[in-house]
Amino acid sequence: MTAAGLHLPSAPDAAASGSDATQIQRLAARDAGVLRRVVDVHAARLHRIAWRMTGDAAEAEDIVQEALLRLWDLAPAMAARYPAGSRRAADIRLGGWLQRVVTNLSIDRLRRIRRLSGTDVPERMDDAPLADAVAEACEEGARARALIAALPERQRAAIVLTYYEELPNAEAAAALDMNLKAFESLLHRARAALRLAFAVQEGCR
């Protein structure tokens, strides 16, 4: 994804430097250069999370753009809550905030599709090559993706954030709006469900 996909006007990259709190202040002032910098820094990871959650590259693109536009819309309120130079400013992590929004949007999309269709969401992996897809082209990778796609949405998110994005448990928990203990319990259930699914699949071969 590029900033051009969001139809941003051109602006010097130098304007985008600074801490997360400073960037939020500049976003609130409608500095498009900062938004371009946020896209450059965070969009690839956000797209991977959304793609692994939904199995659809186009859907993932929509989710990431929605998250970035939500940041643009909410920047004034966030700037007021986390003023640069204040103690609260140290609490804001722009990447973590965006990961949380993308994860929640992905879960919402999956649940909406499931509710409308009345069935489980099918796996819809895109055929376009991705930078991190080479190692997953083998049969085992395809099996793993299919089994992960069959997990409940929040368990799927726990696996994607922990094992694919390699986030520490605390960051993955924050992305799911959970405390650490609750997240670790969710991750334990997700791993157990995957082990059982693999065992069942092996028994059927």
C-alpha atoms as a PDB file:
ATOM      1  CA  MET A   1       0.000   0.000   0.000  1.00  0.00           C
ATOM      2  CA  THR A   2       1.236   3.484  -0.750  1.00  0.00           C
ATOM      3  CA  ALA A   3       0.192   6.911   0.337  1.00  0.00           C
ATOM      4  CA  ALA A   4      -0.986   7.470  -3.233  1.00  0.00           C
ATOM      5  CA  GLY A   5      -3.733   4.932  -2.576  1.00  0.00           C
ATOM      6  CA  LEU A   6      -5.198   7.341  -0.047  1.00  0.00           C
ATOM      7  CA  HIS A   7      -5.049  10.287  -2.508  1.00  0.00           C
ATOM      8  CA  LEU A   8      -2.763  12.349  -0.295  1.00  0.00           C
ATOM      9  CA  PRO A   9      -1.399  15.657  -1.588  1.00  0.00           C
ATOM     10  CA  SER A  10       2.367  15.888  -1.851  1.00  0.00           C
ATOM     11  CA  ALA A  11       4.295  17.193   1.146  1.00  0.00           C
ATOM     12  CA  PRO A  12       7.924  17.120   2.260  1.00  0.00           C
ATOM     13  CA  ASP A  13       8.930  14.006   4.197  1.00  0.00           C
ATOM     14  CA  ALA A  14      10.883  16.108   6.688  1.00  0.00           C
ATOM     15  CA  ALA A  15       7.607  17.334   8.121  1.00  0.00           C
ATOM     16  CA  ALA A  16       6.793  13.803   9.272  1.00  0.00           C
ATOM     17  CA  SER A  17       9.617  13.393  11.804  1.00  0.00           C
ATOM     18  CA  GLY A  18       9.050  13.302  15.556  1.00  0.00           C
ATOM     19  CA  SER A  19       7.610  11.184  18.344  1.00  0.00           C
ATOM     20  CA  ASP A  20       4.263   9.440  18.129  1.00  0.00           C
ATOM     21  CA  ALA A  21       2.631  12.202  20.186  1.00  0.00           C
ATOM     22  CA  THR A  22       4.176  14.846  17.935  1.00  0.00           C
ATOM     23  CA  GLN A  23       2.988  13.040  14.830  1.00  0.00           C
ATOM     24  CA  ILE A  24      -0.539  12.928  16.247  1.00  0.00           C
ATOM     25  CA  GLN A  25      -0.388  16.673  16.881  1.00  0.00           C
ATOM     26  CA  ARG A  26       0.648  17.221  13.272  1.00  0.00           C
ATOM     27  CA  LEU A  27      -2.053  14.895  12.007  1.00  0.00           C
ATOM     28  CA  ALA A  28      -4.550  16.922  14.005  1.00  0.00           C
ATOM     29  CA  ALA A  29      -3.219  19.995  12.200  1.00  0.00           C
ATOM     30  CA  ARG A  30      -3.913  18.152   8.931  1.00  0.00           C
ATOM     31  CA  ASP A  31      -0.272  17.617   7.927  1.00  0.00           C
ATOM     32  CA  ALA A  32      -0.564  15.141   5.054  1.00  0.00           C
ATOM     33  CA  GLY A  33       3.186  14.560   5.086  1.00  0.00           C
ATOM     34  CA  VAL A  34       2.875  12.909   8.490  1.00  0.00           C
ATOM     35  CA  LEU A  35       0.099  10.646   7.261  1.00  0.00           C
ATOM     36  CA  ARG A  36       2.304   9.664   4.343  1.00  0.00           C
ATOM     37  CA  ARG A  37       5.068   8.784   6.791  1.00  0.00           C
ATOM     38  CA  VAL A  38       2.658   6.710   8.916  1.00  0.00           C
ATOM     39  CA  VAL A  39       1.614   4.810   5.792  1.00  0.00           C
ATOM     40  CA  ASP A  40       5.242   4.196   4.807  1.00  0.00           C
ATOM     41  CA  VAL A  41       6.196   2.926   8.260  1.00  0.00           C
ATOM     42  CA  HIS A  42       3.148   0.889   9.278  1.00  0.00           C
ATOM     43  CA  ALA A  43       1.078  -0.106   6.235  1.00  0.00           C
ATOM     44  CA  ALA A  44       3.001  -3.269   5.299  1.00  0.00           C
ATOM     45  CA  ARG A  45       2.602  -4.865   8.732  1.00  0.00           C
ATOM     46  CA  LEU A  46      -1.030  -3.751   8.986  1.00  0.00           C
ATOM     47  CA  HIS A  47      -1.781  -5.289   5.597  1.00  0.00           C
ATOM     48  CA  ARG A  48      -0.149  -8.583   6.607  1.00  0.00           C
ATOM     49  CA  ILE A  49      -2.284  -8.747   9.742  1.00  0.00           C
ATOM     50  CA  ALA A  50      -5.501  -8.010   7.844  1.00  0.00           C
ATOM     51  CA  TRP A  51      -4.603 -10.399   5.009  1.00  0.00           C
ATOM     52  CA  ARG A  52      -3.793 -13.263   7.349  1.00  0.00           C
ATOM     53  CA  MET A  53      -7.023 -12.614   9.227  1.00  0.00           C
ATOM     54  CA  THR A  54      -9.338 -12.363   6.227  1.00  0.00           C
ATOM     55  CA  GLY A  55      -7.487 -14.373   3.565  1.00  0.00           C
ATOM     56  CA  ASP A  56      -8.361 -11.693   1.012  1.00  0.00           C
ATOM     57  CA  ALA A  57      -5.784  -9.152  -0.203  1.00  0.00           C
ATOM     58  CA  ALA A  58      -8.387  -6.674  -1.465  1.00  0.00           C
ATOM     59  CA  GLU A  59     -10.351  -6.894   1.781  1.00  0.00           C
ATOM     60  CA  ALA A  60      -7.109  -6.361   3.696  1.00  0.00           C
ATOM     61  CA  GLU A  61      -6.373  -3.254   1.627  1.00  0.00           C
ATOM     62  CA  ASP A  62      -9.807  -1.844   2.485  1.00  0.00           C
ATOM     63  CA  ILE A  63      -9.310  -2.582   6.183  1.00  0.00           C
ATOM     64  CA  VAL A  64      -5.935  -0.845   6.311  1.00  0.00           C
ATOM     65  CA  GLN A  65      -7.229   2.206   4.470  1.00  0.00           C
ATOM     66  CA  GLU A  66     -10.192   2.354   6.844  1.00  0.00           C
ATOM     67  CA  ALA A  67      -7.836   2.208   9.837  1.00  0.00           C
ATOM     68  CA  LEU A  68      -5.611   4.965   8.447  1.00  0.00           C
ATOM     69  CA  LEU A  69      -8.579   7.174   7.618  1.00  0.00           C
ATOM     70  CA  ARG A  70      -9.924   6.547  11.107  1.00  0.00           C
ATOM     71  CA  LEU A  71      -6.583   7.778  12.484  1.00  0.00           C
ATOM     72  CA  TRP A  72      -6.896  10.905  10.320  1.00  0.00           C
ATOM     73  CA  ASP A  73     -10.440  11.552  11.553  1.00  0.00           C
ATOM     74  CA  LEU A  74      -9.651  10.875  15.227  1.00  0.00           C
ATOM     75  CA  ALA A  75      -6.325  12.734  15.315  1.00  0.00           C
ATOM     76  CA  PRO A  76      -7.791  15.959  16.826  1.00  0.00           C
ATOM     77  CA  ALA A  77      -9.363  14.038  19.714  1.00  0.00           C
ATOM     78  CA  MET A  78      -6.187  11.998  20.201  1.00  0.00           C
ATOM     79  CA  ALA A  79      -4.056  15.158  20.173  1.00  0.00           C
ATOM     80  CA  ALA A  80      -6.209  16.621  22.916  1.00  0.00           C
ATOM     81  CA  ARG A  81      -5.905  13.460  24.968  1.00  0.00           C
ATOM     82  CA  TYR A  82      -2.149  12.991  24.455  1.00  0.00           C
ATOM     83  CA  PRO A  83      -0.662  16.505  24.168  1.00  0.00           C
ATOM     84  CA  ALA A  84       2.992  16.497  23.124  1.00  0.00           C
ATOM     85  CA  GLY A  85       5.312  17.082  26.050  1.00  0.00           C
ATOM     86  CA  SER A  86       2.842  15.833  28.646  1.00  0.00           C
ATOM     87  CA  ARG A  87       3.194  12.713  30.763  1.00  0.00           C
ATOM     88  CA  ARG A  88       0.329  11.105  28.879  1.00  0.00           C
ATOM     89  CA  ALA A  89       2.151  11.599  25.582  1.00  0.00           C
ATOM     90  CA  ALA A  90       4.562   8.820  26.538  1.00  0.00           C
ATOM     91  CA  ASP A  91       1.629   6.375  26.692  1.00  0.00           C
ATOM     92  CA  ILE A  92       0.650   6.605  23.036  1.00  0.00           C
ATOM     93  CA  ARG A  93       2.056   4.046  20.602  1.00  0.00           C
ATOM     94  CA  LEU A  94       0.848   4.808  17.118  1.00  0.00           C
ATOM     95  CA  GLY A  95       1.827   1.406  15.717  1.00  0.00           C
ATOM     96  CA  GLY A  96       0.074  -0.414  18.542  1.00  0.00           C
ATOM     97  CA  TRP A  97      -3.038   1.723  18.128  1.00  0.00           C
ATOM     98  CA  LEU A  98      -3.183   0.960  14.405  1.00  0.00           C
ATOM     99  CA  GLN A  99      -2.622  -2.769  14.988  1.00  0.00           C
ATOM    100  CA  ARG A 100      -5.512  -2.784  17.449  1.00  0.00           C
ATOM    101  CA  VAL A 101      -7.813  -0.994  14.994  1.00  0.00           C
ATOM    102  CA  VAL A 102      -6.874  -3.303  12.086  1.00  0.00           C
ATOM    103  CA  THR A 103      -7.317  -6.417  14.214  1.00  0.00           C
ATOM    104  CA  ASN A 104     -10.737  -5.298  15.424  1.00  0.00           C
ATOM    105  CA  LEU A 105     -11.832  -4.271  11.931  1.00  0.00           C
ATOM    106  CA  SER A 106     -10.741  -7.669  10.593  1.00  0.00           C
ATOM    107  CA  ILE A 107     -12.698  -9.482  13.299  1.00  0.00           C
ATOM    108  CA  ASP A 108     -15.750  -7.311  12.590  1.00  0.00           C
ATOM    109  CA  ARG A 109     -15.551  -8.076   8.846  1.00  0.00           C
ATOM    110  CA  LEU A 110     -15.266 -11.821   9.464  1.00  0.00           C
ATOM    111  CA  ARG A 111     -18.218 -11.808  11.833  1.00  0.00           C
ATOM    112  CA  ARG A 112     -20.325  -9.744   9.457  1.00  0.00           C
ATOM    113  CA  ILE A 113     -19.586 -12.092   6.541  1.00  0.00           C
ATOM    114  CA  ARG A 114     -20.388 -15.096   8.710  1.00  0.00           C
ATOM    115  CA  ARG A 115     -23.621 -13.534   9.933  1.00  0.00           C
ATOM    116  CA  LEU A 116     -24.787 -12.608   6.436  1.00  0.00           C
ATOM    117  CA  SER A 117     -23.857 -15.948   4.886  1.00  0.00           C
ATOM    118  CA  GLY A 118     -24.968 -18.101   7.791  1.00  0.00           C
ATOM    119  CA  THR A 119     -21.871 -20.267   7.256  1.00  0.00           C
ATOM    120  CA  ASP A 120     -18.225 -20.293   8.176  1.00  0.00           C
ATOM    121  CA  VAL A 121     -16.096 -17.843   6.257  1.00  0.00           C
ATOM    122  CA  PRO A 122     -14.301 -19.766   3.486  1.00  0.00           C
ATOM    123  CA  GLU A 123     -10.576 -19.443   3.054  1.00  0.00           C
ATOM    124  CA  ARG A 124      -9.951 -17.010   0.199  1.00  0.00           C
ATOM    125  CA  MET A 125      -6.207 -16.704  -0.147  1.00  0.00           C
ATOM    126  CA  ASP A 126      -5.065 -14.325  -2.846  1.00  0.00           C
ATOM    127  CA  ASP A 127      -2.815 -15.751  -5.573  1.00  0.00           C
ATOM    128  CA  ALA A 128      -0.707 -12.602  -5.913  1.00  0.00           C
ATOM    129  CA  PRO A 129       2.828 -13.126  -4.567  1.00  0.00           C
ATOM    130  CA  LEU A 130       3.697 -11.319  -1.331  1.00  0.00           C
ATOM    131  CA  ALA A 131       7.127 -10.597   0.088  1.00  0.00           C
ATOM    132  CA  ASP A 132       6.666 -13.093   2.922  1.00  0.00           C
ATOM    133  CA  ALA A 133       4.753 -15.753   0.939  1.00  0.00           C
ATOM    134  CA  VAL A 134       7.636 -17.784  -0.486  1.00  0.00           C
ATOM    135  CA  ALA A 135       8.032 -19.957   2.608  1.00  0.00           C
ATOM    136  CA  GLU A 136       4.286 -20.562   2.705  1.00  0.00           C
ATOM    137  CA  ALA A 137       3.990 -21.871  -0.841  1.00  0.00           C
ATOM    138  CA  CYS A 138       4.528 -25.454   0.219  1.00  0.00           C
ATOM    139  CA  GLU A 139       1.755 -27.864   1.134  1.00  0.00           C
ATOM    140  CA  GLU A 140       2.406 -27.606   4.863  1.00  0.00           C
ATOM    141  CA  GLY A 141       2.009 -23.831   4.712  1.00  0.00           C
ATOM    142  CA  ALA A 142      -1.305 -24.199   2.899  1.00  0.00           C
ATOM    143  CA  ARG A 143      -2.512 -26.727   5.487  1.00  0.00           C
ATOM    144  CA  ALA A 144      -1.541 -24.433   8.341  1.00  0.00           C
ATOM    145  CA  ARG A 145      -3.337 -21.456   6.780  1.00  0.00           C
ATOM    146  CA  ALA A 146      -6.480 -23.495   6.257  1.00  0.00           C
ATOM    147  CA  LEU A 147      -6.509 -24.698   9.856  1.00  0.00           C
ATOM    148  CA  ILE A 148      -5.851 -21.209  11.208  1.00  0.00           C
ATOM    149  CA  ALA A 149      -8.636 -19.833   9.014  1.00  0.00           C
ATOM    150  CA  ALA A 150     -11.027 -22.303  10.644  1.00  0.00           C
ATOM    151  CA  LEU A 151     -10.342 -20.977  14.144  1.00  0.00           C
ATOM    152  CA  PRO A 152     -12.747 -18.548  15.847  1.00  0.00           C
ATOM    153  CA  GLU A 153     -11.874 -14.961  14.961  1.00  0.00           C
ATOM    154  CA  ARG A 154     -10.130 -13.967  18.197  1.00  0.00           C
ATOM    155  CA  GLN A 155      -8.135 -17.206  18.373  1.00  0.00           C
ATOM    156  CA  ARG A 156      -7.089 -16.640  14.772  1.00  0.00           C
ATOM    157  CA  ALA A 157      -5.985 -13.115  15.674  1.00  0.00           C
ATOM    158  CA  ALA A 158      -3.935 -14.417  18.610  1.00  0.00           C
ATOM    159  CA  ILE A 159      -2.072 -16.862  16.347  1.00  0.00           C
ATOM    160  CA  VAL A 160      -1.502 -14.297  13.582  1.00  0.00           C
ATOM    161  CA  LEU A 161      -0.199 -11.606  15.927  1.00  0.00           C
ATOM    162  CA  THR A 162       2.014 -13.958  17.949  1.00  0.00           C
ATOM    163  CA  TYR A 163       3.450 -16.361  15.378  1.00  0.00           C
ATOM    164  CA  TYR A 164       3.284 -14.498  12.076  1.00  0.00           C
ATOM    165  CA  GLU A 165       3.878 -10.922  13.238  1.00  0.00           C
ATOM    166  CA  GLU A 166       6.004 -12.081  16.193  1.00  0.00           C
ATOM    167  CA  LEU A 167       4.542  -9.500  18.563  1.00  0.00           C
ATOM    168  CA  PRO A 168       5.321  -9.882  22.264  1.00  0.00           C
ATOM    169  CA  ASN A 169       2.320 -11.160  24.211  1.00  0.00           C
ATOM    170  CA  ALA A 170       1.796  -7.763  25.816  1.00  0.00           C
ATOM    171  CA  GLU A 171       1.544  -6.026  22.409  1.00  0.00           C
ATOM    172  CA  ALA A 172      -0.694  -8.731  20.972  1.00  0.00           C
ATOM    173  CA  ALA A 173      -2.929  -8.455  24.037  1.00  0.00           C
ATOM    174  CA  ALA A 174      -3.163  -4.687  23.531  1.00  0.00           C
ATOM    175  CA  ALA A 175      -4.096  -5.204  19.877  1.00  0.00           C
ATOM    176  CA  LEU A 176      -7.046  -7.307  21.056  1.00  0.00           C
ATOM    177  CA  ASP A 177      -7.992  -4.962  23.930  1.00  0.00           C
ATOM    178  CA  MET A 178      -7.238  -7.715  26.460  1.00  0.00           C
ATOM    179  CA  ASN A 179      -5.177  -7.910  29.612  1.00  0.00           C
ATOM    180  CA  LEU A 180      -2.099 -10.110  29.424  1.00  0.00           C
ATOM    181  CA  LYS A 181      -3.507 -13.017  31.450  1.00  0.00           C
ATOM    182  CA  ALA A 182      -6.688 -13.188  29.365  1.00  0.00           C
ATOM    183  CA  PHE A 183      -4.662 -13.068  26.156  1.00  0.00           C
ATOM    184  CA  GLU A 184      -2.360 -15.864  27.286  1.00  0.00           C
ATOM    185  CA  SER A 185      -5.432 -17.971  28.047  1.00  0.00           C
ATOM    186  CA  LEU A 186      -6.820 -17.203  24.575  1.00  0.00           C
ATOM    187  CA  LEU A 187      -3.497 -18.097  22.960  1.00  0.00           C
ATOM    188  CA  HIS A 188      -3.343 -21.355  24.922  1.00  0.00           C
ATOM    189  CA  ARG A 189      -6.825 -22.298  23.660  1.00  0.00           C
ATOM    190  CA  ALA A 190      -5.877 -21.369  20.106  1.00  0.00           C
ATOM    191  CA  ARG A 191      -2.742 -23.520  20.203  1.00  0.00           C
ATOM    192  CA  ALA A 192      -4.673 -26.431  21.692  1.00  0.00           C
ATOM    193  CA  ALA A 193      -7.332 -26.112  18.979  1.00  0.00           C
ATOM    194  CA  LEU A 194      -4.653 -26.115  16.276  1.00  0.00           C
ATOM    195  CA  ARG A 195      -2.908 -29.168  17.734  1.00  0.00           C
ATOM    196  CA  LEU A 196      -6.214 -31.027  17.831  1.00  0.00           C
ATOM    197  CA  ALA A 197      -7.053 -29.989  14.262  1.00  0.00           C
ATOM    198  CA  PHE A 198      -3.648 -31.146  13.020  1.00  0.00           C
ATOM    199  CA  ALA A 199      -4.037 -34.454  14.857  1.00  0.00           C
ATOM    200  CA  VAL A 200      -7.505 -35.037  13.388  1.00  0.00           C
ATOM    201  CA  GLN A 201      -6.275 -34.164   9.906  1.00  0.00           C
ATOM    202  CA  GLU A 202      -3.299 -36.513  10.222  1.00  0.00           C
ATOM    203  CA  GLY A 203      -5.609 -39.289  11.379  1.00  0.00           C
ATOM    204  CA  CYS A 204      -7.713 -38.871   8.250  1.00  0.00           C
ATOM    205  CA  ARG A 205      -4.789 -39.135   5.836  1.00  0.00           C
END
